[in-house]
PDB file of all heavy atoms in Angstrom:
ATOM      1  N   ASP A   1       4.067  11.666  -5.661  1.00  0.00           N
ATOM      2  CA  ASP A   1       4.537  11.860  -7.025  1.00  0.00           C
ATOM      3  C   ASP A   1       5.847  12.641  -7.011  1.00  0.00           C
ATOM      4  O   ASP A   1       6.367  13.007  -5.955  1.00  0.00           O
ATOM      5  CB  ASP A   1       3.468  12.519  -7.895  1.00  0.00           C
ATOM      6  CG  ASP A   1       3.150  13.967  -7.480  1.00  0.00           C
ATOM      7  OD1 ASP A   1       3.961  14.598  -6.776  1.00  0.00           O
ATOM      8  OD2 ASP A   1       2.074  14.453  -7.889  1.00  0.00           O
ATOM      9  N   ARG A   2       6.388  12.903  -8.191  1.00  0.00           N
ATOM     10  CA  ARG A   2       7.703  13.549  -8.310  1.00  0.00           C
ATOM     11  C   ARG A   2       7.718  14.955  -7.738  1.00  0.00           C
ATOM     12  O   ARG A   2       8.780  15.502  -7.416  1.00  0.00           O
ATOM     13  CB  ARG A   2       8.130  13.573  -9.772  1.00  0.00           C
ATOM     14  CG  ARG A   2       8.477  12.218 -10.336  1.00  0.00           C
ATOM     15  CD  ARG A   2       8.606  12.266 -11.855  1.00  0.00           C
ATOM     16  NE  ARG A   2       9.558  13.266 -12.287  1.00  0.00           N
ATOM     17  CZ  ARG A   2       9.800  13.538 -13.572  1.00  0.00           C
ATOM     18  NH1 ARG A   2       9.158  12.859 -14.523  1.00  0.00           N
ATOM     19  NH2 ARG A   2      10.679  14.448 -13.911  1.00  0.00           N
ATOM     20  N   ASN A   3       6.544  15.575  -7.627  1.00  0.00           N
ATOM     21  CA  ASN A   3       6.464  16.952  -7.128  1.00  0.00           C
ATOM     22  C   ASN A   3       6.174  17.014  -5.641  1.00  0.00           C
ATOM     23  O   ASN A   3       5.966  18.099  -5.093  1.00  0.00           O
ATOM     24  CB  ASN A   3       5.388  17.711  -7.896  1.00  0.00           C
ATOM     25  CG  ASN A   3       5.700  17.816  -9.371  1.00  0.00           C
ATOM     26  OD1 ASN A   3       6.834  18.094  -9.758  1.00  0.00           O
ATOM     27  ND2 ASN A   3       4.710  17.552 -10.213  1.00  0.00           N
ATOM     28  N   GLY A   4       6.128  15.852  -4.978  1.00  0.00           N
ATOM     29  CA  GLY A   4       5.918  15.835  -3.543  1.00  0.00           C
ATOM     30  C   GLY A   4       4.467  15.779  -3.125  1.00  0.00           C
ATOM     31  O   GLY A   4       4.170  15.882  -1.932  1.00  0.00           O
ATOM     32  N   ASN A   5       3.550  15.626  -4.086  1.00  0.00           N
ATOM     33  CA  ASN A   5       2.135  15.497  -3.747  1.00  0.00           C
ATOM     34  C   ASN A   5       1.849  14.068  -3.333  1.00  0.00           C
ATOM     35  O   ASN A   5       2.324  13.118  -3.970  1.00  0.00           O
ATOM     36  CB  ASN A   5       1.262  15.874  -4.940  1.00  0.00           C
ATOM     37  CG  ASN A   5       1.545  17.276  -5.436  1.00  0.00           C
ATOM     38  OD1 ASN A   5       1.507  18.227  -4.653  1.00  0.00           O
ATOM     39  ND2 ASN A   5       1.869  17.404  -6.718  1.00  0.00           N
ATOM     40  N   GLY A   6       1.053  13.888  -2.284  1.00  0.00           N
ATOM     41  CA  GLY A   6       0.855  12.544  -1.766  1.00  0.00           C
ATOM     42  C   GLY A   6      -0.587  12.198  -1.492  1.00  0.00           C
ATOM     43  O   GLY A   6      -1.445  13.066  -1.322  1.00  0.00           O
ATOM     44  N   ILE A   7      -0.856  10.887  -1.480  1.00  0.00           N
ATOM     45  CA  ILE A   7      -2.121  10.331  -1.011  1.00  0.00           C
ATOM     46  C   ILE A   7      -1.776   9.123  -0.149  1.00  0.00           C
ATOM     47  O   ILE A   7      -0.636   8.659  -0.127  1.00  0.00           O
ATOM     48  CB  ILE A   7      -3.059   9.923  -2.167  1.00  0.00           C
ATOM     49  CG1 ILE A   7      -2.378   8.861  -3.061  1.00  0.00           C
ATOM     50  CG2 ILE A   7      -3.479  11.131  -2.983  1.00  0.00           C
ATOM     51  CD1 ILE A   7      -3.303   8.292  -4.122  1.00  0.00           C
ATOM     52  N   TRP A   8      -2.767   8.614   0.575  1.00  0.00           N
ATOM     53  CA  TRP A   8      -2.516   7.443   1.416  1.00  0.00           C
ATOM     54  C   TRP A   8      -3.812   6.670   1.588  1.00  0.00           C
ATOM     55  O   TRP A   8      -4.902   7.183   1.349  1.00  0.00           O
ATOM     56  CB  TRP A   8      -1.958   7.861   2.770  1.00  0.00           C
ATOM     57  CG  TRP A   8      -2.873   8.749   3.572  1.00  0.00           C
ATOM     58  CD1 TRP A   8      -3.009  10.107   3.458  1.00  0.00           C
ATOM     59  CD2 TRP A   8      -3.793   8.342   4.589  1.00  0.00           C
ATOM     60  NE1 TRP A   8      -3.951  10.570   4.354  1.00  0.00           N
ATOM     61  CE2 TRP A   8      -4.456   9.507   5.058  1.00  0.00           C
ATOM     62  CE3 TRP A   8      -4.112   7.107   5.160  1.00  0.00           C
ATOM     63  CZ2 TRP A   8      -5.413   9.482   6.058  1.00  0.00           C
ATOM     64  CZ3 TRP A   8      -5.077   7.071   6.175  1.00  0.00           C
ATOM     65  CH2 TRP A   8      -5.710   8.249   6.614  1.00  0.00           C
ATOM     66  N   VAL A   9      -3.657   5.415   1.988  1.00  0.00           N
ATOM     67  CA  VAL A   9      -4.798   4.582   2.328  1.00  0.00           C
ATOM     68  C   VAL A   9      -4.450   3.799   3.577  1.00  0.00           C
ATOM     69  O   VAL A   9      -3.302   3.344   3.743  1.00  0.00           O
ATOM     70  CB  VAL A   9      -5.181   3.639   1.157  1.00  0.00           C
ATOM     71  CG1 VAL A   9      -4.066   2.628   0.874  1.00  0.00           C
ATOM     72  CG2 VAL A   9      -6.484   2.909   1.448  1.00  0.00           C
ATOM     73  N   SER A  10      -5.403   3.675   4.474  1.00  0.00           N
ATOM     74  CA  SER A  10      -5.137   2.908   5.692  1.00  0.00           C
ATOM     75  C   SER A  10      -5.146   1.414   5.373  1.00  0.00           C
ATOM     76  O   SER A  10      -5.817   0.964   4.429  1.00  0.00           O
ATOM     77  CB  SER A  10      -6.175   3.211   6.766  1.00  0.00           C
ATOM     78  OG  SER A  10      -7.431   2.631   6.445  1.00  0.00           O
ATOM     79  N   ALA A  11      -4.431   0.644   6.166  1.00  0.00           N
ATOM     80  CA  ALA A  11      -4.413  -0.809   5.986  1.00  0.00           C
ATOM     81  C   ALA A  11      -5.793  -1.394   6.250  1.00  0.00           C
ATOM     82  O   ALA A  11      -6.221  -2.351   5.592  1.00  0.00           O
ATOM     83  CB  ALA A  11      -3.382  -1.442   6.921  1.00  0.00           C
ATOM     84  N   THR A  12      -6.509  -0.811   7.209  1.00  0.00           N
ATOM     85  CA  THR A  12      -7.860  -1.290   7.508  1.00  0.00           C
ATOM     86  C   THR A  12      -8.774  -1.107   6.293  1.00  0.00           C
ATOM     87  O   THR A  12      -9.515  -2.026   5.910  1.00  0.00           O
ATOM     88  CB  THR A  12      -8.439  -0.531   8.710  1.00  0.00           C
ATOM     89  OG1 THR A  12      -7.590  -0.725   9.835  1.00  0.00           O
ATOM     90  CG2 THR A  12      -9.839  -1.032   9.039  1.00  0.00           C
ATOM     91  N   SER A  13      -8.714   0.068   5.669  1.00  0.00           N
ATOM     92  CA  SER A  13      -9.561   0.324   4.498  1.00  0.00           C
ATOM     93  C   SER A  13      -9.132  -0.521   3.305  1.00  0.00           C
ATOM     94  O   SER A  13      -9.980  -1.034   2.564  1.00  0.00           O
ATOM     95  CB  SER A  13      -9.499   1.811   4.128  1.00  0.00           C
ATOM     96  OG  SER A  13     -10.057   2.605   5.150  1.00  0.00           O
ATOM     97  N   ALA A  14      -7.833  -0.664   3.098  1.00  0.00           N
ATOM     98  CA  ALA A  14      -7.344  -1.397   1.933  1.00  0.00           C
ATOM     99  C   ALA A  14      -7.763  -2.855   1.958  1.00  0.00           C
ATOM    100  O   ALA A  14      -7.995  -3.472   0.911  1.00  0.00           O
ATOM    101  CB  ALA A  14      -5.831  -1.293   1.839  1.00  0.00           C
ATOM    102  N   THR A  15      -7.854  -3.424   3.156  1.00  0.00           N
ATOM    103  CA  THR A  15      -8.214  -4.839   3.288  1.00  0.00           C
ATOM    104  C   THR A  15      -9.682  -5.047   3.635  1.00  0.00           C
ATOM    105  O   THR A  15     -10.162  -6.179   3.614  1.00  0.00           O
ATOM    106  CB  THR A  15      -7.367  -5.507   4.382  1.00  0.00           C
ATOM    107  OG1 THR A  15      -7.583  -4.822   5.628  1.00  0.00           O
ATOM    108  CG2 THR A  15      -5.885  -5.474   4.020  1.00  0.00           C
ATOM    109  N   ALA A  16     -10.389  -3.950   3.980  1.00  0.00           N
ATOM    110  CA  ALA A  16     -11.768  -4.036   4.464  1.00  0.00           C
ATOM    111  C   ALA A  16     -11.872  -5.005   5.643  1.00  0.00           C
ATOM    112  O   ALA A  16     -12.809  -5.769   5.774  1.00  0.00           O
ATOM    113  CB  ALA A  16     -12.724  -4.455   3.344  1.00  0.00           C
ATOM    114  N   ASP A  17     -10.846  -4.946   6.522  1.00  0.00           N
ATOM    115  CA  ASP A  17     -10.782  -5.836   7.667  1.00  0.00           C
ATOM    116  C   ASP A  17     -10.319  -5.021   8.870  1.00  0.00           C
ATOM    117  O   ASP A  17      -9.171  -4.530   8.895  1.00  0.00           O
ATOM    118  CB  ASP A  17      -9.818  -6.989   7.385  1.00  0.00           C
ATOM    119  CG  ASP A  17      -9.830  -8.065   8.468  1.00  0.00           C
ATOM    120  OD1 ASP A  17     -10.197  -7.750   9.614  1.00  0.00           O
ATOM    121  OD2 ASP A  17      -9.452  -9.218   8.163  1.00  0.00           O
ATOM    122  N   ALA A  18     -11.192  -4.858   9.851  1.00  0.00           N
ATOM    123  CA  ALA A  18     -10.877  -4.041  11.015  1.00  0.00           C
ATOM    124  C   ALA A  18      -9.723  -4.593  11.852  1.00  0.00           C
ATOM    125  O   ALA A  18      -9.126  -3.861  12.645  1.00  0.00           O
ATOM    126  CB  ALA A  18     -12.123  -3.897  11.899  1.00  0.00           C
ATOM    127  N   ALA A  19      -9.400  -5.876  11.663  1.00  0.00           N
ATOM    128  CA  ALA A  19      -8.308  -6.486  12.426  1.00  0.00           C
ATOM    129  C   ALA A  19      -6.940  -6.170  11.827  1.00  0.00           C
ATOM    130  O   ALA A  19      -5.909  -6.467  12.444  1.00  0.00           O
ATOM    131  CB  ALA A  19      -8.500  -7.995  12.504  1.00  0.00           C
ATOM    132  N   ILE A  20      -6.905  -5.589  10.638  1.00  0.00           N
ATOM    133  CA  ILE A  20      -5.636  -5.311   9.948  1.00  0.00           C
ATOM    134  C   ILE A  20      -5.251  -3.861  10.202  1.00  0.00           C
ATOM    135  O   ILE A  20      -6.043  -2.940   9.944  1.00  0.00           O
ATOM    136  CB  ILE A  20      -5.762  -5.594   8.444  1.00  0.00           C
ATOM    137  CG1 ILE A  20      -6.148  -7.054   8.220  1.00  0.00           C
ATOM    138  CG2 ILE A  20      -4.459  -5.260   7.722  1.00  0.00           C
ATOM    139  CD1 ILE A  20      -5.193  -8.067   8.811  1.00  0.00           C
ATOM    140  N   GLY A  21      -4.014  -3.651  10.695  1.00  0.00           N
ATOM    141  CA  GLY A  21      -3.655  -2.324  11.155  1.00  0.00           C
ATOM    142  C   GLY A  21      -2.447  -1.680  10.525  1.00  0.00           C
ATOM    143  O   GLY A  21      -2.179  -0.498  10.805  1.00  0.00           O
ATOM    144  N   LYS A  22      -1.685  -2.382   9.673  1.00  0.00           N
ATOM    145  CA  LYS A  22      -0.470  -1.756   9.156  1.00  0.00           C
ATOM    146  C   LYS A  22       0.074  -2.537   7.971  1.00  0.00           C
ATOM    147  O   LYS A  22      -0.282  -3.704   7.761  1.00  0.00           O
ATOM    148  CB  LYS A  22       0.598  -1.685  10.235  1.00  0.00           C
ATOM    149  CG  LYS A  22       1.091  -3.051  10.725  1.00  0.00           C
ATOM    150  CD  LYS A  22       2.120  -2.906  11.847  1.00  0.00           C
ATOM    151  CE  LYS A  22       2.633  -4.268  12.327  1.00  0.00           C
ATOM    152  NZ  LYS A  22       3.594  -4.137  13.436  1.00  0.00           N
ATOM    153  N   CYS A  23       0.946  -1.907   7.203  1.00  0.00           N
ATOM    154  CA  CYS A  23       1.765  -2.648   6.243  1.00  0.00           C
ATOM    155  C   CYS A  23       2.760  -3.481   7.020  1.00  0.00           C
ATOM    156  O   CYS A  23       3.278  -3.056   8.053  1.00  0.00           O
ATOM    157  CB  CYS A  23       2.517  -1.687   5.320  1.00  0.00           C
ATOM    158  SG  CYS A  23       1.483  -0.812   4.141  1.00  0.00           S
ATOM    159  N   ALA A  24       3.029  -4.677   6.543  1.00  0.00           N
ATOM    160  CA  ALA A  24       3.991  -5.546   7.220  1.00  0.00           C
ATOM    161  C   ALA A  24       5.345  -4.851   7.306  1.00  0.00           C
ATOM    162  O   ALA A  24       5.788  -4.199   6.358  1.00  0.00           O
ATOM    163  CB  ALA A  24       4.108  -6.866   6.475  1.00  0.00           C
ATOM    164  N   MET A  25       5.994  -4.995   8.447  1.00  0.00           N
ATOM    165  CA  MET A  25       7.284  -4.353   8.682  1.00  0.00           C
ATOM    166  C   MET A  25       8.307  -4.782   7.629  1.00  0.00           C
ATOM    167  O   MET A  25       8.394  -5.961   7.282  1.00  0.00           O
ATOM    168  CB  MET A  25       7.796  -4.702  10.073  1.00  0.00           C
ATOM    169  CG  MET A  25       8.876  -3.784  10.592  1.00  0.00           C
ATOM    170  SD  MET A  25       8.228  -2.197  11.141  1.00  0.00           S
ATOM    171  CE  MET A  25       7.434  -2.663  12.667  1.00  0.00           C
ATOM    172  N   ASN A  26       9.031  -3.814   7.095  1.00  0.00           N
ATOM    173  CA  ASN A  26      10.112  -4.060   6.120  1.00  0.00           C
ATOM    174  C   ASN A  26       9.606  -4.575   4.770  1.00  0.00           C
ATOM    175  O   ASN A  26      10.407  -5.019   3.945  1.00  0.00           O
ATOM    176  CB  ASN A  26      11.135  -5.071   6.655  1.00  0.00           C
ATOM    177  CG  ASN A  26      11.756  -4.658   7.960  1.00  0.00           C
ATOM    178  OD1 ASN A  26      12.280  -3.554   8.089  1.00  0.00           O
ATOM    179  ND2 ASN A  26      11.696  -5.545   8.949  1.00  0.00           N
ATOM    180  N   CYS A  27       8.294  -4.550   4.521  1.00  0.00           N
ATOM    181  CA  CYS A  27       7.738  -5.092   3.277  1.00  0.00           C
ATOM    182  C   CYS A  27       7.750  -4.014   2.211  1.00  0.00           C
ATOM    183  O   CYS A  27       6.874  -3.144   2.162  1.00  0.00           O
ATOM    184  CB  CYS A  27       6.315  -5.603   3.508  1.00  0.00           C
ATOM    185  SG  CYS A  27       5.558  -6.361   2.050  1.00  0.00           S
ATOM    186  N   ALA A  28       8.750  -4.046   1.326  1.00  0.00           N
ATOM    187  CA  ALA A  28       8.857  -3.051   0.263  1.00  0.00           C
ATOM    188  C   ALA A  28       7.734  -3.248  -0.749  1.00  0.00           C
ATOM    189  O   ALA A  28       7.591  -4.349  -1.303  1.00  0.00           O
ATOM    190  CB  ALA A  28      10.211  -3.169  -0.427  1.00  0.00           C
ATOM    191  N   PRO A  29       6.906  -2.240  -1.015  1.00  0.00           N
ATOM    192  CA  PRO A  29       5.860  -2.392  -2.023  1.00  0.00           C
ATOM    193  C   PRO A  29       6.458  -2.746  -3.383  1.00  0.00           C
ATOM    194  O   PRO A  29       7.556  -2.300  -3.741  1.00  0.00           O
ATOM    195  CB  PRO A  29       5.204  -1.006  -2.059  1.00  0.00           C
ATOM    196  CG  PRO A  29       5.533  -0.396  -0.724  1.00  0.00           C
ATOM    197  CD  PRO A  29       6.888  -0.930  -0.367  1.00  0.00           C
ATOM    198  N   GLY A  30       5.740  -3.588  -4.142  1.00  0.00           N
ATOM    199  CA  GLY A  30       6.204  -4.004  -5.468  1.00  0.00           C
ATOM    200  C   GLY A  30       5.195  -3.618  -6.528  1.00  0.00           C
ATOM    201  O   GLY A  30       3.984  -3.617  -6.281  1.00  0.00           O
ATOM    202  N   LEU A  31       5.665  -3.315  -7.725  1.00  0.00           N
ATOM    203  CA  LEU A  31       4.817  -2.875  -8.827  1.00  0.00           C
ATOM    204  C   LEU A  31       4.667  -3.954  -9.882  1.00  0.00           C
ATOM    205  O   LEU A  31       5.615  -4.698 -10.154  1.00  0.00           O
ATOM    206  CB  LEU A  31       5.397  -1.621  -9.493  1.00  0.00           C
ATOM    207  CG  LEU A  31       5.122  -0.243  -8.866  1.00  0.00           C
ATOM    208  CD1 LEU A  31       3.650   0.103  -8.934  1.00  0.00           C
ATOM    209  CD2 LEU A  31       5.668  -0.120  -7.480  1.00  0.00           C
ATOM    210  N   SER A  32       3.498  -4.026 -10.493  1.00  0.00           N
ATOM    211  CA  SER A  32       3.301  -4.906 -11.647  1.00  0.00           C
ATOM    212  C   SER A  32       4.197  -4.436 -12.786  1.00  0.00           C
ATOM    213  O   SER A  32       4.648  -3.286 -12.806  1.00  0.00           O
ATOM    214  CB  SER A  32       1.835  -4.882 -12.086  1.00  0.00           C
ATOM    215  OG  SER A  32       1.438  -3.560 -12.460  1.00  0.00           O
ATOM    216  N   PRO A  33       4.487  -5.308 -13.769  1.00  0.00           N
ATOM    217  CA  PRO A  33       5.382  -4.909 -14.864  1.00  0.00           C
ATOM    218  C   PRO A  33       4.938  -3.652 -15.599  1.00  0.00           C
ATOM    219  O   PRO A  33       5.781  -2.871 -16.054  1.00  0.00           O
ATOM    220  CB  PRO A  33       5.373  -6.135 -15.776  1.00  0.00           C
ATOM    221  CG  PRO A  33       5.131  -7.283 -14.848  1.00  0.00           C
ATOM    222  CD  PRO A  33       4.159  -6.741 -13.838  1.00  0.00           C
ATOM    223  N   ASP A  34       3.631  -3.421 -15.718  1.00  0.00           N
ATOM    224  CA  ASP A  34       3.159  -2.211 -16.390  1.00  0.00           C
ATOM    225  C   ASP A  34       2.979  -1.039 -15.431  1.00  0.00           C
ATOM    226  O   ASP A  34       2.574   0.059 -15.839  1.00  0.00           O
ATOM    227  CB  ASP A  34       1.866  -2.473 -17.160  1.00  0.00           C
ATOM    228  CG  ASP A  34       0.676  -2.810 -16.252  1.00  0.00           C
ATOM    229  OD1 ASP A  34       0.845  -2.826 -15.011  1.00  0.00           O
ATOM    230  OD2 ASP A  34      -0.405  -3.068 -16.797  1.00  0.00           O
ATOM    231  N   GLY A  35       3.249  -1.258 -14.155  1.00  0.00           N
ATOM    232  CA  GLY A  35       3.183  -0.188 -13.171  1.00  0.00           C
ATOM    233  C   GLY A  35       1.794   0.178 -12.713  1.00  0.00           C
ATOM    234  O   GLY A  35       1.633   1.124 -11.926  1.00  0.00           O
ATOM    235  N   SER A  36       0.785  -0.546 -13.112  1.00  0.00           N
ATOM    236  CA  SER A  36      -0.593  -0.157 -12.789  1.00  0.00           C
ATOM    237  C   SER A  36      -1.062  -0.654 -11.423  1.00  0.00           C
ATOM    238  O   SER A  36      -2.056  -0.149 -10.895  1.00  0.00           O
ATOM    239  CB  SER A  36      -1.555  -0.669 -13.867  1.00  0.00           C
ATOM    240  OG  SER A  36      -1.588  -2.089 -13.883  1.00  0.00           O
ATOM    241  N   VAL A  37      -0.373  -1.652 -10.861  1.00  0.00           N
ATOM    242  CA  VAL A  37      -0.782  -2.240  -9.599  1.00  0.00           C
ATOM    243  C   VAL A  37       0.397  -2.215  -8.631  1.00  0.00           C
ATOM    244  O   VAL A  37       1.525  -2.534  -9.013  1.00  0.00           O
ATOM    245  CB  VAL A  37      -1.259  -3.704  -9.780  1.00  0.00           C
ATOM    246  CG1 VAL A  37      -1.759  -4.272  -8.442  1.00  0.00           C
ATOM    247  CG2 VAL A  37      -2.343  -3.801 -10.838  1.00  0.00           C
ATOM    248  N   VAL A  38       0.134  -1.812  -7.393  1.00  0.00           N
ATOM    249  CA  VAL A  38       1.148  -1.879  -6.351  1.00  0.00           C
ATOM    250  C   VAL A  38       0.712  -2.949  -5.350  1.00  0.00           C
ATOM    251  O   VAL A  38      -0.427  -2.942  -4.881  1.00  0.00           O
ATOM    252  CB  VAL A  38       1.376  -0.508  -5.666  1.00  0.00           C
ATOM    253  CG1 VAL A  38       0.107   0.081  -5.097  1.00  0.00           C
ATOM    254  CG2 VAL A  38       2.456  -0.626  -4.586  1.00  0.00           C
ATOM    255  N   TYR A  39       1.611  -3.888  -5.085  1.00  0.00           N
ATOM    256  CA  TYR A  39       1.340  -4.996  -4.163  1.00  0.00           C
ATOM    257  C   TYR A  39       2.102  -4.774  -2.863  1.00  0.00           C
ATOM    258  O   TYR A  39       3.257  -4.337  -2.878  1.00  0.00           O
ATOM    259  CB  TYR A  39       1.797  -6.325  -4.776  1.00  0.00           C
ATOM    260  CG  TYR A  39       1.091  -6.716  -6.048  1.00  0.00           C
ATOM    261  CD1 TYR A  39       1.618  -6.377  -7.300  1.00  0.00           C
ATOM    262  CD2 TYR A  39      -0.102  -7.452  -6.028  1.00  0.00           C
ATOM    263  CE1 TYR A  39       0.987  -6.740  -8.471  1.00  0.00           C
ATOM    264  CE2 TYR A  39      -0.740  -7.834  -7.200  1.00  0.00           C
ATOM    265  CZ  TYR A  39      -0.191  -7.473  -8.417  1.00  0.00           C
ATOM    266  OH  TYR A  39      -0.827  -7.841  -9.589  1.00  0.00           O
ATOM    267  N   VAL A  40       1.458  -5.129  -1.749  1.00  0.00           N
ATOM    268  CA  VAL A  40       2.128  -5.022  -0.453  1.00  0.00           C
ATOM    269  C   VAL A  40       1.438  -5.960   0.532  1.00  0.00           C
ATOM    270  O   VAL A  40       0.251  -6.281   0.385  1.00  0.00           O
ATOM    271  CB  VAL A  40       2.101  -3.552   0.062  1.00  0.00           C
ATOM    272  CG1 VAL A  40       0.694  -3.124   0.474  1.00  0.00           C
ATOM    273  CG2 VAL A  40       3.102  -3.330   1.175  1.00  0.00           C
ATOM    274  N   GLY A  41       2.184  -6.414   1.529  1.00  0.00           N
ATOM    275  CA  GLY A  41       1.613  -7.218   2.604  1.00  0.00           C
ATOM    276  C   GLY A  41       1.099  -6.337   3.727  1.00  0.00           C
ATOM    277  O   GLY A  41       1.727  -5.343   4.093  1.00  0.00           O
ATOM    278  N   MET A  42      -0.077  -6.685   4.268  1.00  0.00           N
ATOM    279  CA  MET A  42      -0.658  -5.954   5.386  1.00  0.00           C
ATOM    280  C   MET A  42      -1.081  -6.944   6.458  1.00  0.00           C
ATOM    281  O   MET A  42      -1.573  -8.025   6.148  1.00  0.00           O
ATOM    282  CB  MET A  42      -1.855  -5.118   4.928  1.00  0.00           C
ATOM    283  CG  MET A  42      -1.473  -3.986   3.984  1.00  0.00           C
ATOM    284  SD  MET A  42      -2.908  -2.994   3.468  1.00  0.00           S
ATOM    285  CE  MET A  42      -2.074  -1.621   2.657  1.00  0.00           C
TER     286      MET A  42
END
């Protein structure tokens, strides 16, 4: 957030797939028009 507070999620947990290990290289996360959803490739 703007104050420097952070959270994170592992790619394995986000996909519920033990074979998935990272966000795709150079894949800039994208936001839905209302900002409620963040999309990314893993």
